[in-house]
N, C-alpha and C. Protein backbone atom coordinates (compact mmCIF):
# COMPACT_ATOMS: atom_id res chain seq x y z
N UNK A 1 0.90 -1.04 0.07
CA UNK A 1 -0.03 0.12 0.05
C UNK A 1 1.05 1.34 -0.02
N UNK A 2 0.69 2.20 -0.66
CA UNK A 2 1.17 3.38 -0.83
C UNK A 2 1.21 4.21 0.52
N UNK A 3 2.10 4.94 0.94
CA UNK A 3 2.29 5.50 2.17
C UNK A 3 1.39 6.85 2.09
N UNK A 4 1.04 7.22 0.94
CA UNK A 4 0.43 8.77 0.80
C UNK A 4 -1.09 8.63 1.26
N UNK A 5 -1.68 7.28 1.73
CA UNK A 5 -3.08 7.21 1.91
C UNK A 5 -3.03 7.02 3.53
N UNK A 6 -3.89 7.61 4.07
CA UNK A 6 -4.48 7.44 5.45
C UNK A 6 -5.84 6.85 5.49
N UNK A 7 -6.23 5.66 5.89
CA UNK A 7 -7.41 5.25 6.02
C UNK A 7 -8.11 5.34 7.16
N UNK A 8 -9.22 6.05 7.12
CA UNK A 8 -10.16 6.19 8.31
C UNK A 8 -11.48 5.69 8.15
N UNK A 9 -12.13 5.15 9.13
CA UNK A 9 -13.25 4.42 9.19
C UNK A 9 -14.15 5.40 9.62
N UNK A 10 -15.16 5.78 8.79
CA UNK A 10 -15.98 6.93 9.16
C UNK A 10 -17.08 6.48 10.07
N UNK A 11 -17.11 7.01 11.32
CA UNK A 11 -18.05 6.51 12.03
C UNK A 11 -19.56 6.96 11.76
N UNK A 12 -19.79 7.82 10.91
CA UNK A 12 -21.30 8.10 10.71
C UNK A 12 -21.85 7.03 9.73
N UNK A 13 -21.12 6.32 9.14
CA UNK A 13 -21.51 5.29 8.24
C UNK A 13 -21.23 3.81 8.81
N UNK A 14 -20.74 3.97 9.87
CA UNK A 14 -20.68 2.36 10.52
C UNK A 14 -22.05 1.69 10.96
N UNK A 15 -22.00 0.39 11.08
CA UNK A 15 -23.24 -0.37 11.22
C UNK A 15 -23.63 -0.44 12.80
N UNK A 16 -22.58 0.02 13.43
CA UNK A 16 -22.84 0.25 15.05
C UNK A 16 -23.90 1.47 15.45
N UNK A 17 -24.78 1.19 16.06
CA UNK A 17 -25.63 2.26 16.34
C UNK A 17 -25.55 3.04 17.63
N UNK A 18 -24.34 2.65 18.26
CA UNK A 18 -24.05 3.41 19.43
C UNK A 18 -22.55 4.05 19.42
N UNK A 19 -21.69 3.23 18.89
CA UNK A 19 -20.50 4.30 18.55
C UNK A 19 -19.38 3.15 17.56
N UNK A 20 -18.60 3.83 17.05
CA UNK A 20 -17.58 2.95 16.39
C UNK A 20 -16.09 3.62 16.62
N UNK A 21 -15.36 3.26 16.13
CA UNK A 21 -13.78 3.83 16.27
C UNK A 21 -13.25 4.21 15.35
N UNK A 22 -12.64 5.22 15.24
CA UNK A 22 -11.80 5.78 13.95
C UNK A 22 -10.43 5.23 14.17
N UNK A 23 -9.59 4.66 13.32
CA UNK A 23 -8.51 4.05 13.48
C UNK A 23 -7.45 4.74 12.23
N UNK A 24 -6.35 5.39 12.58
CA UNK A 24 -5.48 5.88 11.65
C UNK A 24 -4.39 5.03 11.49
N UNK A 25 -4.01 4.58 10.27
CA UNK A 25 -3.16 3.58 9.75
C UNK A 25 -1.93 3.98 10.58
N UNK A 26 -1.17 2.97 11.09
CA UNK A 26 0.09 3.36 11.54
C UNK A 26 0.34 3.77 13.01
N UNK A 27 -0.78 4.52 13.75
CA UNK A 27 -0.44 4.75 14.96
C UNK A 27 -1.74 4.38 15.83
N UNK A 28 -1.65 3.39 16.74
CA UNK A 28 -2.92 3.20 17.48
C UNK A 28 -3.10 4.07 18.59
N UNK A 29 -2.20 4.97 19.01
CA UNK A 29 -2.65 5.93 19.91
C UNK A 29 -3.39 7.13 19.38
N UNK A 30 -3.88 6.94 18.23
CA UNK A 30 -4.75 8.19 17.57
C UNK A 30 -6.16 7.57 17.34
N UNK A 31 -6.52 6.76 18.26
CA UNK A 31 -7.94 6.20 18.29
C UNK A 31 -8.72 7.11 18.97
N UNK A 32 -10.07 7.28 18.26
CA UNK A 32 -10.96 8.11 18.92
C UNK A 32 -12.43 7.38 18.79
N UNK A 33 -13.25 7.71 19.54
CA UNK A 33 -14.89 7.04 19.63
C UNK A 33 -15.78 8.17 19.65
N UNK A 34 -16.62 8.33 18.66
CA UNK A 34 -17.68 9.14 18.28
C UNK A 34 -18.97 8.49 18.45
N UNK A 35 -19.93 9.13 18.74
CA UNK A 35 -21.25 8.66 18.74
C UNK A 35 -21.89 8.74 17.21
N UNK A 36 -22.73 7.77 16.84
CA UNK A 36 -22.99 7.84 15.51
C UNK A 36 -24.69 8.32 15.55
N UNK A 37 -25.04 8.90 16.53
CA UNK A 37 -26.54 9.18 16.83
C UNK A 37 -26.34 10.77 16.86
N UNK A 38 -25.28 11.37 16.72
CA UNK A 38 -25.24 12.79 16.43
C UNK A 38 -24.58 13.12 15.07
N UNK A 39 -25.03 14.42 14.64
CA UNK A 39 -24.55 14.78 13.54
C UNK A 39 -22.96 15.11 13.21
N UNK A 40 -22.47 14.85 12.26
CA UNK A 40 -20.98 15.08 11.99
C UNK A 40 -20.45 16.47 12.32
N UNK A 41 -19.62 16.64 13.24
CA UNK A 41 -19.36 18.24 13.55
C UNK A 41 -18.01 18.71 12.99
N UNK A 42 -17.85 19.97 13.16
CA UNK A 42 -16.70 20.72 12.32
C UNK A 42 -15.41 19.90 12.84
N UNK A 43 -15.24 19.26 14.02
CA UNK A 43 -14.02 18.85 14.68
C UNK A 43 -13.60 17.58 13.65
N UNK A 44 -14.48 17.22 13.06
CA UNK A 44 -14.07 15.92 12.19
C UNK A 44 -13.40 16.60 10.90
N UNK A 45 -14.01 17.42 10.48
CA UNK A 45 -13.48 18.22 9.24
C UNK A 45 -12.09 18.63 9.46
N UNK A 46 -11.80 19.33 10.66
CA UNK A 46 -10.46 20.04 11.12
C UNK A 46 -9.44 18.95 11.29
N UNK A 47 -9.99 17.57 11.99
CA UNK A 47 -9.01 16.59 12.05
C UNK A 47 -8.58 16.04 10.80
N UNK A 48 -9.62 15.95 9.81
CA UNK A 48 -9.28 15.46 8.54
C UNK A 48 -8.48 16.62 7.79
N UNK A 49 -8.50 17.86 7.60
CA UNK A 49 -7.56 18.72 7.10
C UNK A 49 -6.22 18.73 7.70
N UNK A 50 -6.23 18.56 9.08
CA UNK A 50 -4.95 18.43 9.57
C UNK A 50 -4.22 17.07 9.17
N UNK A 51 -4.90 15.90 9.14
CA UNK A 51 -4.25 14.74 8.61
C UNK A 51 -3.63 15.01 7.22
N UNK A 52 -4.51 15.75 6.27
CA UNK A 52 -4.03 15.88 4.94
C UNK A 52 -3.04 16.78 4.79
N UNK A 53 -2.88 17.69 5.68
CA UNK A 53 -1.55 18.54 5.94
C UNK A 53 -0.35 17.77 5.99
N UNK A 54 -0.51 16.46 6.30
CA UNK A 54 0.73 15.90 6.57
C UNK A 54 1.14 14.58 5.63
N UNK A 55 0.27 14.71 4.46
CA UNK A 55 0.56 13.99 3.40
C UNK A 55 1.68 14.50 2.50
N UNK A 56 2.64 13.75 2.39
CA UNK A 56 3.81 14.20 1.68
C UNK A 56 3.84 13.56 0.17
N UNK A 57 3.29 14.20 -0.70
CA UNK A 57 3.23 13.70 -2.16
C UNK A 57 3.19 14.96 -3.05
N UNK A 58 3.88 14.65 -4.29
CA UNK A 58 3.81 15.70 -5.39
C UNK A 58 3.20 15.02 -6.56
N UNK A 59 2.29 15.49 -7.13
CA UNK A 59 1.71 14.87 -8.15
C UNK A 59 2.97 14.75 -9.33
N UNK A 60 2.57 13.75 -10.22
CA UNK A 60 3.60 13.48 -11.21
C UNK A 60 3.95 14.76 -12.22
N UNK A 61 2.83 15.63 -12.37
CA UNK A 61 3.26 16.98 -13.14
C UNK A 61 3.83 17.91 -12.38
N UNK A 62 4.13 17.60 -11.08
CA UNK A 62 4.70 18.73 -10.10
C UNK A 62 3.76 19.69 -9.36
N UNK A 63 4.36 20.42 -8.63
CA UNK A 63 3.44 21.43 -7.92
C UNK A 63 2.77 20.95 -6.78
N UNK A 64 2.04 21.58 -6.25
CA UNK A 64 1.12 20.93 -4.89
C UNK A 64 -0.14 20.11 -5.44
N UNK A 65 -0.54 19.05 -4.57
CA UNK A 65 -1.41 18.21 -4.70
C UNK A 65 -2.90 19.04 -4.70
N UNK A 66 -3.79 18.89 -5.28
CA UNK A 66 -5.09 19.42 -5.26
C UNK A 66 -5.82 18.41 -4.09
N UNK A 67 -6.25 19.00 -3.03
CA UNK A 67 -6.94 18.26 -2.00
C UNK A 67 -8.35 18.57 -2.01
N UNK A 68 -9.25 17.36 -1.98
CA UNK A 68 -10.74 17.67 -2.09
C UNK A 68 -11.12 16.74 -0.80
N UNK A 69 -11.91 17.34 0.10
CA UNK A 69 -12.73 16.50 1.04
C UNK A 69 -14.13 16.14 0.83
N UNK A 70 -14.21 14.93 1.21
CA UNK A 70 -15.35 14.14 0.81
C UNK A 70 -15.94 13.59 2.24
N UNK A 71 -17.03 14.07 2.91
CA UNK A 71 -17.35 13.80 4.15
C UNK A 71 -18.79 12.96 4.04
N UNK A 72 -18.82 11.84 4.78
CA UNK A 72 -20.11 10.97 4.69
C UNK A 72 -20.57 11.17 6.22
N UNK A 73 -21.92 11.30 6.16
CA UNK A 73 -22.55 10.96 7.58
C UNK A 73 -23.99 10.61 7.55
N UNK A 74 -24.23 9.70 8.44
CA UNK A 74 -25.51 8.96 8.54
C UNK A 74 -26.57 9.92 9.17
N UNK A 75 -26.22 10.83 9.99
CA UNK A 75 -27.11 11.56 10.73
C UNK A 75 -27.09 13.10 10.35
N UNK A 76 -26.35 13.25 9.18
CA UNK A 76 -26.24 14.65 8.75
C UNK A 76 -25.13 15.50 9.20
N UNK A 77 -25.19 16.56 9.02
CA UNK A 77 -24.04 17.57 9.44
C UNK A 77 -24.32 18.65 10.30
N UNK A 78 -23.39 19.04 11.13
CA UNK A 78 -23.63 20.25 11.92
C UNK A 78 -23.91 21.40 11.05
N UNK A 79 -24.28 22.55 11.63
CA UNK A 79 -24.63 23.82 10.80
C UNK A 79 -23.28 24.13 10.26
N UNK A 80 -22.13 24.18 11.31
CA UNK A 80 -20.81 24.74 10.88
C UNK A 80 -20.30 24.06 9.74
N UNK A 81 -20.52 22.66 9.49
CA UNK A 81 -19.86 21.99 8.35
C UNK A 81 -20.71 22.24 7.38
N UNK A 82 -22.20 22.44 7.19
CA UNK A 82 -22.75 22.95 6.13
C UNK A 82 -22.44 24.19 5.59
N UNK A 83 -22.39 25.16 6.38
CA UNK A 83 -21.83 26.45 6.15
C UNK A 83 -20.41 26.38 5.60
N UNK A 84 -19.49 25.69 6.03
CA UNK A 84 -18.27 25.58 5.35
C UNK A 84 -18.32 25.20 3.83
N UNK A 85 -19.14 24.10 3.65
CA UNK A 85 -19.29 23.46 2.33
C UNK A 85 -19.84 24.23 1.38
N UNK A 86 -20.83 25.04 1.92
CA UNK A 86 -21.57 26.17 0.99
C UNK A 86 -20.67 27.25 0.52
N UNK A 87 -19.38 27.45 1.27
CA UNK A 87 -18.40 28.40 1.06
C UNK A 87 -16.88 27.85 0.28
N UNK A 88 -17.10 26.68 0.20
CA UNK A 88 -15.93 26.04 -0.16
C UNK A 88 -16.07 25.23 -1.59
N UNK A 89 -14.98 25.22 -2.39
CA UNK A 89 -15.16 24.35 -3.53
C UNK A 89 -14.56 22.89 -3.28
N UNK A 90 -13.88 22.77 -2.27
CA UNK A 90 -12.77 21.73 -2.17
C UNK A 90 -13.66 20.76 -0.77
N UNK A 91 -14.84 20.98 -0.67
CA UNK A 91 -15.59 20.18 0.52
C UNK A 91 -16.81 19.78 0.11
N UNK A 92 -17.14 18.45 -0.29
CA UNK A 92 -18.49 17.93 -0.64
C UNK A 92 -19.06 17.02 0.48
N UNK A 93 -20.18 17.05 0.55
CA UNK A 93 -20.73 16.51 1.83
C UNK A 93 -21.96 15.19 1.29
N UNK A 94 -22.09 14.40 2.02
CA UNK A 94 -22.80 13.26 1.53
C UNK A 94 -23.59 12.72 2.55
N UNK A 95 -24.86 12.74 2.84
CA UNK A 95 -25.67 11.93 3.95
C UNK A 95 -26.13 10.51 3.32
N UNK A 96 -26.85 10.01 4.14
CA UNK A 96 -27.38 8.50 4.17
C UNK A 96 -28.12 8.58 2.57
N UNK A 97 -29.18 9.51 2.51
CA UNK A 97 -29.94 9.55 1.20
C UNK A 97 -28.95 9.62 0.08
N UNK A 98 -28.07 10.32 0.06
CA UNK A 98 -27.19 10.46 -0.96
C UNK A 98 -26.46 9.18 -1.51
N UNK A 99 -25.97 8.50 -0.45
CA UNK A 99 -25.30 7.20 -0.56
C UNK A 99 -26.16 6.27 -1.12
N UNK A 100 -27.25 5.98 -0.49
CA UNK A 100 -28.59 5.03 -0.76
C UNK A 100 -29.01 5.38 -2.23
N UNK A 101 -29.26 6.58 -2.48
CA UNK A 101 -29.56 7.04 -3.85
C UNK A 101 -28.56 6.52 -4.87
N UNK A 102 -27.37 6.65 -4.64
CA UNK A 102 -26.29 6.48 -5.52
C UNK A 102 -26.44 4.94 -5.85
N UNK A 103 -26.57 4.03 -4.71
CA UNK A 103 -26.62 2.64 -4.89
C UNK A 103 -27.74 2.26 -5.94
N UNK A 104 -28.64 2.88 -5.86
CA UNK A 104 -30.11 2.60 -6.61
C UNK A 104 -29.85 3.15 -7.94
N UNK A 105 -28.81 3.74 -8.25
CA UNK A 105 -28.94 4.33 -9.84
C UNK A 105 -28.57 3.56 -10.82
């Protein structure tokens, strides 16, 4: 597996109704537990942006990589996340209806 990827299990889409664990590959000290009954908050986006800032990779054409953020949530998104997505071109939000709808297309 290429070292530029960080695999994260998104708790909002986990099959557990109470909580699931987010694991960052390569460091078991970075585990967190989030409730899946709450909307996805801005803290999740901030953590993802922080993780992305540590990716050391240059596209084959050179320059800086274009980073886009895709967030998936079973129970929707906090207002702060929705507002951020409305103001940014690099952030896309998908709720459960989006995912189920795409599966049935």
